[in-house]
């Protein structure tokens, strides 16, 4: 009994140890199960990770391909726009209401240039050659509209001035000719600026600009020449006995006319100096042909000297030097006229020396010296005495007062 009592704690402890051992076995079993589950989870994670990376790579690849396709589609769309522009441009150019001065015409012209440039740079594209020919045809039509408009404006203003002149509504005065013509500048200035910008790069625009210069030149000559002729004929009648005044007034008139023509020209054009040179050369040549026959018929050396002085000092030195860059043609004409007058002066001087000096034969009265000097002295003394004997008004008043 005592033995059982002493063994009871040991048995109890043993029982507890078995229970703890059993519990530990369960814990170990659960840990093994957890490790197995964790291993499975890690395996599944790795598989999911690989699949996710693969999906991400595929999505990235698809997105890149989509972006490339969108860019390609956009590039194709941009290039196709050049082809599609043809129909709209033809519709505008063939419209009955097409106007060169409309807000849409200049942008259309710029777009037409871009389309032609694109087709020229990409002739390897399908139908690019065909569209290039059609765009060139559209450009020719647009240039034809511009030509008709500008030439029509120049012709219209010239006709209106001439009709008003014939109806005696306006006088033949330069300011009216220039003012009325200048008022039409705003109608064509924008178009002419577009032509001048493109003329350096495109031969067709350069040709059209030359045509506009020619039309301007013709209309200005048709207007100005009759006015100049009328003025010079009137001046010739007024100064038929005063050639110096005729040449002075004529030169000043033509000089001012050249300045006015230049100012009017730059109101329309900013390039093409040869066109204004033609106008100024025509005016100067007309005046030269008018005044030269008058000058080369002169016989008096005093008149010829006066003309040389007028042209050299008053015209070339004073007027031309103030506008050397503008009055080139006028300066050339006046210098040529001066040379003609100088040659005429030399010829008349030589003739005078030959006939009145070298071939001079004195008569008796020419050699009556010193008698002629004594006689002239006596005449002078007599005139002085006669003047002294004439009573002055003051002396007459004084004498009257004394009598009173």
Protein backbone atom coordinates (compact mmCIF):
# COMPACT_ATOMS: atom_id res chain seq x y z
CA UNK A 1 0.00 0.00 0.00
CA UNK A 2 2.84 2.25 0.89
CA UNK A 3 4.56 1.30 -2.30
CA UNK A 4 1.55 2.31 -4.32
CA UNK A 5 1.41 5.59 -2.50
CA UNK A 6 5.05 6.34 -3.27
CA UNK A 7 4.61 5.37 -6.91
CA UNK A 8 1.45 7.38 -7.46
CA UNK A 9 3.28 10.69 -8.18
CA UNK A 10 5.57 8.94 -10.57
CA UNK A 11 2.67 7.37 -12.41
CA UNK A 12 0.94 10.67 -12.51
CA UNK A 13 4.04 12.34 -13.87
CA UNK A 14 4.46 9.57 -16.40
CA UNK A 15 0.88 9.95 -17.48
CA UNK A 16 1.39 13.68 -17.88
CA UNK A 17 4.57 13.09 -19.84
CA UNK A 18 2.72 10.74 -22.20
CA UNK A 19 0.09 13.37 -22.65
CA UNK A 20 2.72 16.04 -23.35
CA UNK A 21 4.48 13.71 -25.72
CA UNK A 22 1.23 13.00 -27.50
CA UNK A 23 0.54 16.71 -27.67
CA UNK A 24 3.98 17.38 -29.04
CA UNK A 25 3.47 14.70 -31.66
CA UNK A 26 0.27 16.41 -32.68
CA UNK A 27 2.08 19.76 -32.84
CA UNK A 28 4.85 18.26 -34.90
CA UNK A 29 2.29 16.69 -37.15
CA UNK A 30 0.52 20.01 -37.56
CA UNK A 31 3.82 21.79 -38.21
CA UNK A 32 4.64 19.25 -40.90
CA UNK A 33 1.23 19.77 -42.40
CA UNK A 34 1.71 23.57 -42.28
CA UNK A 35 5.13 23.27 -43.91
CA UNK A 36 3.63 21.12 -46.60
CA UNK A 37 0.88 23.67 -47.16
CA UNK A 38 3.43 26.51 -47.22
CA UNK A 39 5.49 24.58 -49.74
CA UNK A 40 2.42 24.13 -51.89
CA UNK A 41 1.62 27.83 -51.55
CA UNK A 42 5.15 28.78 -52.58
CA UNK A 43 4.93 26.49 -55.59
CA UNK A 44 1.60 27.99 -56.54
CA UNK A 45 3.00 31.50 -56.02
CA UNK A 46 5.93 30.80 -58.29
CA UNK A 47 3.58 29.47 -60.95
CA UNK A 48 1.30 32.51 -60.62
CA UNK A 49 4.31 34.82 -60.70
CA UNK A 50 5.61 33.24 -63.87
CA UNK A 51 2.18 33.40 -65.47
CA UNK A 52 1.76 37.03 -64.36
CA UNK A 53 5.14 37.98 -65.79
CA UNK A 54 4.27 36.22 -68.99
CA UNK A 55 0.92 38.02 -69.13
CA UNK A 56 2.59 41.35 -68.39
CA UNK A 57 5.11 40.75 -71.13
CA UNK A 58 2.35 39.81 -73.53
CA UNK A 59 0.30 42.89 -72.58
CA UNK A 60 3.34 45.15 -72.99
CA UNK A 61 4.03 43.62 -76.37
CA UNK A 62 0.40 44.08 -77.38
CA UNK A 63 0.41 47.68 -76.18
CA UNK A 64 3.58 48.39 -78.16
CA UNK A 65 2.08 46.80 -81.22
CA UNK A 66 -1.10 48.80 -80.70
CA UNK A 67 0.89 52.02 -80.39
CA UNK A 68 2.85 51.19 -83.52
CA UNK A 69 -0.35 50.43 -85.38
CA UNK A 70 -1.94 53.66 -84.19
CA UNK A 71 1.13 55.65 -85.23
CA UNK A 72 1.17 53.88 -88.55
CA UNK A 73 -2.53 54.57 -89.03
CA UNK A 74 -2.00 58.22 -88.10
CA UNK A 75 0.92 58.55 -90.51
CA UNK A 76 -1.12 56.92 -93.23
CA UNK A 77 -4.02 59.25 -92.45
CA UNK A 78 -1.72 62.29 -92.60
CA UNK A 79 -0.32 61.17 -95.96
CA UNK A 80 -3.77 60.37 -97.27
CA UNK A 81 -4.87 63.90 -96.44
CA UNK A 82 -2.62 65.19 -99.22
CA UNK A 83 -4.40 62.89 -101.64
CA UNK A 84 -7.84 63.80 -100.30
CA UNK A 85 -7.16 67.55 -100.61
CA UNK A 86 -7.40 67.36 -104.38
CA UNK A 87 -11.15 66.92 -104.47
CA UNK A 88 -11.81 69.84 -102.12
CA UNK A 89 -9.43 72.13 -104.03
CA UNK A 90 -11.05 71.30 -107.36
CA UNK A 91 -14.44 72.00 -105.82
CA UNK A 92 -13.31 75.44 -104.67
CA UNK A 93 -11.59 76.34 -107.93
CA UNK A 94 -14.54 75.21 -110.04
CA UNK A 95 -17.08 77.00 -107.89
CA UNK A 96 -18.90 79.88 -109.69
CA UNK A 97 -18.39 82.04 -106.60
CA UNK A 98 -14.64 81.51 -106.34
CA UNK A 99 -12.86 84.76 -105.46
CA UNK A 100 -9.18 85.53 -105.28
CA UNK A 101 -9.83 88.00 -102.46
CA UNK A 102 -11.75 85.55 -100.24
CA UNK A 103 -10.28 84.55 -96.88
CA UNK A 104 -9.96 80.94 -97.97
CA UNK A 105 -8.09 81.47 -101.23
CA UNK A 106 -4.62 82.27 -99.86
CA UNK A 107 -4.67 79.34 -97.35
CA UNK A 108 -5.80 77.08 -100.20
CA UNK A 109 -2.87 78.31 -102.28
CA UNK A 110 -0.47 77.51 -99.43
CA UNK A 111 -2.00 74.05 -99.01
CA UNK A 112 -1.70 73.47 -102.75
CA UNK A 113 2.01 74.23 -102.57
CA UNK A 114 2.38 71.76 -99.69
CA UNK A 115 0.56 69.02 -101.61
CA UNK A 116 2.72 69.51 -104.71
CA UNK A 117 5.87 69.46 -102.60
CA UNK A 118 4.71 66.26 -100.85
CA UNK A 119 3.95 64.48 -104.14
CA UNK A 120 7.32 65.49 -105.55
CA UNK A 121 9.11 64.08 -102.50
CA UNK A 122 7.10 60.81 -102.47
CA UNK A 123 6.72 59.81 -106.07
CA UNK A 124 7.17 56.18 -105.01
CA UNK A 125 3.70 56.26 -103.41
CA UNK A 126 0.86 54.70 -105.33
CA UNK A 127 -0.87 57.19 -107.69
CA UNK A 128 1.48 59.96 -106.51
CA UNK A 129 2.48 60.80 -110.10
CA UNK A 130 -1.15 61.01 -111.18
CA UNK A 131 -2.06 63.25 -108.27
CA UNK A 132 1.00 65.43 -108.89
CA UNK A 133 -0.21 66.11 -112.43
CA UNK A 134 -3.69 66.94 -111.11
CA UNK A 135 -2.28 69.26 -108.46
CA UNK A 136 -0.20 71.03 -111.11
CA UNK A 137 -3.35 71.48 -113.15
CA UNK A 138 -5.13 72.93 -110.11
CA UNK A 139 -2.21 75.28 -109.52
CA UNK A 140 -2.35 76.47 -113.12
CA UNK A 141 -6.04 77.17 -112.70
CA UNK A 142 -5.43 79.11 -109.48
CA UNK A 143 -2.67 81.14 -111.12
CA UNK A 144 -4.98 81.83 -114.03
CA UNK A 145 -7.59 83.22 -111.64
CA UNK A 146 -4.95 85.41 -110.00
CA UNK A 147 -3.70 86.67 -113.35
CA UNK A 148 -7.20 87.52 -114.53
CA UNK A 149 -8.01 89.30 -111.29
CA UNK A 150 -4.86 91.45 -111.07
CA UNK A 151 -4.81 92.34 -114.76
CA UNK A 152 -8.52 93.11 -114.51
CA UNK A 153 -7.99 95.44 -111.54
CA UNK A 154 -5.21 97.36 -113.31
CA UNK A 155 -7.27 97.62 -116.47
CA UNK A 156 -10.42 98.61 -114.62
CA UNK A 157 -8.84 101.49 -112.72
CA UNK A 158 -7.15 102.74 -115.89
CA UNK A 159 -10.41 102.70 -117.81
CA UNK A 160 -12.25 104.48 -115.01
CA UNK A 161 -9.64 107.25 -114.97
CA UNK A 162 -9.69 107.63 -118.77
CA UNK A 163 -13.49 107.67 -118.88
CA UNK A 164 -13.64 110.28 -116.15
CA UNK A 165 -11.07 112.33 -118.01
CA UNK A 166 -13.01 112.16 -121.27
CA UNK A 167 -16.18 113.17 -119.44
CA UNK A 168 -14.29 116.16 -117.99
CA UNK A 169 -15.12 114.98 -114.49
CA UNK A 170 -11.50 115.29 -113.42
CA UNK A 171 -8.63 117.43 -114.56
CA UNK A 172 -5.47 116.06 -116.03
CA UNK A 173 -3.49 116.34 -112.82
CA UNK A 174 -0.90 113.83 -111.53
CA UNK A 175 -2.27 113.70 -107.97
CA UNK A 176 -5.66 112.49 -109.22
CA UNK A 177 -4.11 109.84 -111.43
CA UNK A 178 -1.95 108.54 -108.59
CA UNK A 179 -4.56 108.84 -105.85
CA UNK A 180 -7.22 106.91 -107.74
CA UNK A 181 -4.77 104.24 -108.86
CA UNK A 182 -3.33 103.92 -105.35
CA UNK A 183 -6.78 103.39 -103.86
CA UNK A 184 -6.92 99.99 -105.59
CA UNK A 185 -3.70 98.84 -103.93
CA UNK A 186 -5.43 97.22 -100.96
CA UNK A 187 -7.35 94.94 -103.35
CA UNK A 188 -4.27 93.30 -104.83
CA UNK A 189 -1.51 93.89 -102.26
CA UNK A 190 -2.10 90.65 -100.34
CA UNK A 191 -2.13 88.53 -103.49
CA UNK A 192 0.96 90.25 -104.89
CA UNK A 193 2.85 89.63 -101.63
CA UNK A 194 2.02 85.92 -101.91
CA UNK A 195 3.30 85.87 -105.48
CA UNK A 196 6.53 87.64 -104.54
CA UNK A 197 7.21 85.19 -101.70
CA UNK A 198 6.76 82.18 -104.00
CA UNK A 199 8.40 83.63 -107.11
CA UNK A 200 11.90 82.86 -105.82
CA UNK A 201 11.12 79.15 -105.45
CA UNK A 202 8.58 78.46 -108.19
CA UNK A 203 9.02 79.34 -111.85
CA UNK A 204 5.27 79.47 -112.46
CA UNK A 205 4.83 82.11 -109.77
CA UNK A 206 7.81 84.02 -111.16
CA UNK A 207 6.24 84.03 -114.62
CA UNK A 208 2.92 85.19 -113.21
CA UNK A 209 4.62 87.99 -111.28
CA UNK A 210 6.34 89.11 -114.49
CA UNK A 211 2.95 89.19 -116.21
CA UNK A 212 1.60 91.37 -113.40
CA UNK A 213 4.57 93.72 -113.77
CA UNK A 214 3.94 93.91 -117.52
CA UNK A 215 0.24 94.65 -117.05
CA UNK A 216 1.04 97.35 -114.49
CA UNK A 217 3.65 98.83 -116.83
CA UNK A 218 1.24 98.95 -119.78
CA UNK A 219 -1.58 100.55 -117.84
CA UNK A 220 0.67 103.16 -116.24
CA UNK A 221 2.23 104.07 -119.58
CA UNK A 222 -1.23 104.37 -121.17
CA UNK A 223 -2.24 106.76 -118.41
CA UNK A 224 0.88 108.81 -117.90
CA UNK A 225 2.19 109.30 -121.44
CA UNK A 226 -0.80 111.35 -122.70
CA UNK A 227 -0.59 113.48 -119.56
CA UNK A 228 3.13 114.08 -120.07
CA UNK A 229 2.63 114.86 -123.74
CA UNK A 230 -0.12 117.37 -122.96
CA UNK A 231 1.98 119.06 -120.30
CA UNK A 232 5.11 119.32 -122.45
CA UNK A 233 3.17 120.68 -125.44
CA UNK A 234 1.55 123.28 -123.21
CA UNK A 235 4.93 124.12 -121.69
CA UNK A 236 6.46 124.54 -125.15
CA UNK A 237 3.78 127.06 -126.09
CA UNK A 238 4.21 129.02 -122.86
CA UNK A 239 8.02 129.08 -122.97
CA UNK A 240 8.64 129.21 -126.70
CA UNK A 241 10.95 132.22 -126.24
CA UNK A 242 12.46 131.15 -122.92
CA UNK A 243 14.19 127.83 -123.50
CA UNK A 244 15.84 127.93 -120.09
CA UNK A 245 12.47 128.01 -118.34
CA UNK A 246 11.20 125.26 -120.60
CA UNK A 247 14.10 122.93 -119.77
CA UNK A 248 14.00 123.78 -116.06
CA UNK A 249 10.24 123.26 -115.74
CA UNK A 250 10.33 120.13 -117.90
CA UNK A 251 13.14 118.53 -115.89
CA UNK A 252 11.48 119.32 -112.57
CA UNK A 253 8.17 117.96 -113.84
CA UNK A 254 9.66 114.69 -115.07
CA UNK A 255 11.76 114.38 -111.91
CA UNK A 256 8.69 114.67 -109.69
CA UNK A 257 6.81 112.31 -111.98
CA UNK A 258 9.52 109.69 -111.56
CA UNK A 259 9.36 110.02 -107.77
CA UNK A 260 5.58 109.69 -107.83
CA UNK A 261 5.76 106.64 -110.08
CA UNK A 262 8.28 105.00 -107.77
CA UNK A 263 6.13 105.63 -104.68
CA UNK A 264 3.10 104.24 -106.47
CA UNK A 265 5.02 101.15 -107.60
CA UNK A 266 6.23 100.24 -104.10
CA UNK A 267 2.62 100.62 -102.92
CA UNK A 268 1.83 97.55 -105.05
CA UNK A 269 5.12 95.64 -105.31
CA UNK A 270 8.13 95.12 -103.05
CA UNK A 271 10.31 93.33 -105.62
CA UNK A 272 10.97 93.50 -109.36
CA UNK A 273 12.90 96.73 -109.74
CA UNK A 274 13.23 96.12 -113.49
CA UNK A 275 9.51 96.84 -113.93
CA UNK A 276 9.65 100.33 -112.43
CA UNK A 277 12.89 100.90 -114.34
CA UNK A 278 11.00 100.30 -117.58
CA UNK A 279 8.37 102.86 -116.65
CA UNK A 280 10.89 105.50 -115.58
CA UNK A 281 13.05 104.83 -118.64
CA UNK A 282 10.05 105.31 -120.93
CA UNK A 283 9.13 108.61 -119.27
CA UNK A 284 12.69 109.91 -119.38
CA UNK A 285 13.19 108.79 -122.97
CA UNK A 286 10.00 110.56 -124.02
CA UNK A 287 11.11 113.79 -122.39
CA UNK A 288 14.59 113.44 -123.87
CA UNK A 289 13.23 112.96 -127.37
CA UNK A 290 11.01 115.99 -126.83
CA UNK A 291 13.56 118.46 -125.50
CA UNK A 292 16.72 117.37 -127.34
CA UNK A 293 15.72 118.71 -130.78
CA UNK A 294 14.93 122.06 -129.16
CA UNK A 295 18.30 122.24 -127.44
CA UNK A 296 20.46 121.19 -130.37
CA UNK A 297 18.93 123.92 -132.57
CA UNK A 298 20.02 126.70 -130.21
CA UNK A 299 22.60 129.14 -131.56
CA UNK A 300 23.12 131.58 -128.68
CA UNK A 301 26.02 130.67 -126.42
CA UNK A 302 24.40 132.47 -123.48
CA UNK A 303 21.34 130.23 -123.69
CA UNK A 304 23.43 127.09 -123.98
CA UNK A 305 25.51 128.15 -120.97
CA UNK A 306 22.35 128.77 -118.98
CA UNK A 307 21.03 125.31 -119.85
CA UNK A 308 24.28 123.65 -118.76
CA UNK A 309 24.13 125.51 -115.47
CA UNK A 310 20.49 124.57 -114.88
CA UNK A 311 21.03 120.87 -115.54
CA UNK A 312 24.34 120.63 -113.68
CA UNK A 313 23.52 122.63 -110.58
CA UNK A 314 19.76 122.86 -110.17
CA UNK A 315 18.83 119.40 -111.41
CA UNK A 316 21.76 117.01 -110.92
CA UNK A 317 23.28 118.61 -107.83
CA UNK A 318 20.13 119.62 -105.97
CA UNK A 319 17.31 117.30 -107.05
CA UNK A 320 18.97 114.08 -108.15
CA UNK A 321 21.39 113.84 -105.22
CA UNK A 322 18.47 113.80 -102.78
CA UNK A 323 17.06 110.65 -104.42
CA UNK A 324 20.03 108.93 -106.06
CA UNK A 325 18.67 105.43 -105.49
CA UNK A 326 15.34 106.27 -107.13
CA UNK A 327 16.26 108.67 -109.95
CA UNK A 328 18.82 106.46 -111.67
CA UNK A 329 17.07 106.57 -115.06
CA UNK A 330 16.34 110.28 -114.73
CA UNK A 331 19.96 111.00 -113.83
CA UNK A 332 21.17 109.06 -116.89
CA UNK A 333 18.79 110.98 -119.13
CA UNK A 334 19.77 114.41 -117.78
CA UNK A 335 23.47 113.59 -118.06
CA UNK A 336 22.95 112.53 -121.67
CA UNK A 337 21.00 115.73 -122.35
CA UNK A 338 23.77 117.74 -120.68
CA UNK A 339 26.34 116.09 -122.94
CA UNK A 340 24.28 116.97 -126.01
CA UNK A 341 24.00 120.61 -124.89
CA UNK A 342 27.72 120.75 -124.11
CA UNK A 343 28.53 119.34 -127.54
CA UNK A 344 26.23 121.94 -129.08
CA UNK A 345 27.94 124.65 -127.02
CA UNK A 346 31.37 123.48 -128.18
CA UNK A 347 30.20 123.43 -131.79
CA UNK A 348 28.70 126.94 -131.60
CA UNK A 349 31.75 128.27 -129.75
CA UNK A 350 34.08 126.85 -132.39
CA UNK A 351 31.92 128.30 -135.12
CA UNK A 352 31.85 131.67 -133.40
CA UNK A 353 35.64 131.66 -132.97
CA UNK A 354 36.08 130.73 -136.60
CA UNK A 355 33.57 133.20 -138.08
CA UNK A 356 33.57 136.15 -135.67
CA UNK A 357 37.13 136.06 -134.34
CA UNK A 358 39.50 134.25 -136.71
CA UNK A 359 37.73 135.50 -139.86
CA UNK A 360 36.96 138.94 -138.47
CA UNK A 361 37.74 141.86 -140.84
CA UNK A 362 37.55 145.30 -139.21
CA UNK A 363 36.01 148.32 -140.98
CA UNK A 364 37.06 151.93 -140.67
CA UNK A 365 34.88 152.75 -137.71
CA UNK A 366 36.21 149.75 -135.76
CA UNK A 367 39.74 151.20 -135.81
CA UNK A 368 38.84 154.83 -134.90
CA UNK A 369 40.80 154.82 -131.67
CA UNK A 370 41.27 156.81 -129.45
CA UNK A 371 38.58 159.04 -131.08
CA UNK A 372 35.82 156.59 -130.17
CA UNK A 373 36.92 156.56 -126.55
CA UNK A 374 37.05 160.36 -126.39
CA UNK A 375 33.59 160.56 -127.92
CA UNK A 376 32.22 158.03 -125.45
CA UNK A 377 33.78 160.02 -122.60
CA UNK A 378 32.17 163.24 -123.81
CA UNK A 379 28.79 161.55 -124.08
CA UNK A 380 29.15 160.27 -120.55
CA UNK A 381 30.06 163.70 -119.21
CA UNK A 382 27.14 165.25 -121.05
CA UNK A 383 24.75 162.76 -119.57
CA UNK A 384 26.07 163.43 -116.09
CA UNK A 385 25.62 167.20 -116.52
CA UNK A 386 22.14 166.70 -117.88
CA UNK A 387 21.17 164.69 -114.86
CA UNK A 388 22.60 167.33 -112.53
CA UNK A 389 20.60 170.07 -114.27
CA UNK A 390 17.30 168.26 -113.86
CA UNK A 391 15.61 169.70 -110.71
CA UNK A 392 14.61 167.30 -108.00
CA UNK A 393 11.06 167.21 -106.60
CA UNK A 394 12.30 168.57 -103.29
CA UNK A 395 13.95 171.53 -104.93
CA UNK A 396 10.76 172.30 -106.83
CA UNK A 397 8.75 172.23 -103.60
CA UNK A 398 11.26 174.51 -101.94
CA UNK A 399 11.09 176.99 -104.79
CA UNK A 400 7.30 177.04 -104.71
CA UNK A 401 7.34 177.63 -100.97
CA UNK A 402 9.70 180.58 -101.33
CA UNK A 403 7.47 182.15 -103.96
CA UNK A 404 4.47 181.80 -101.70
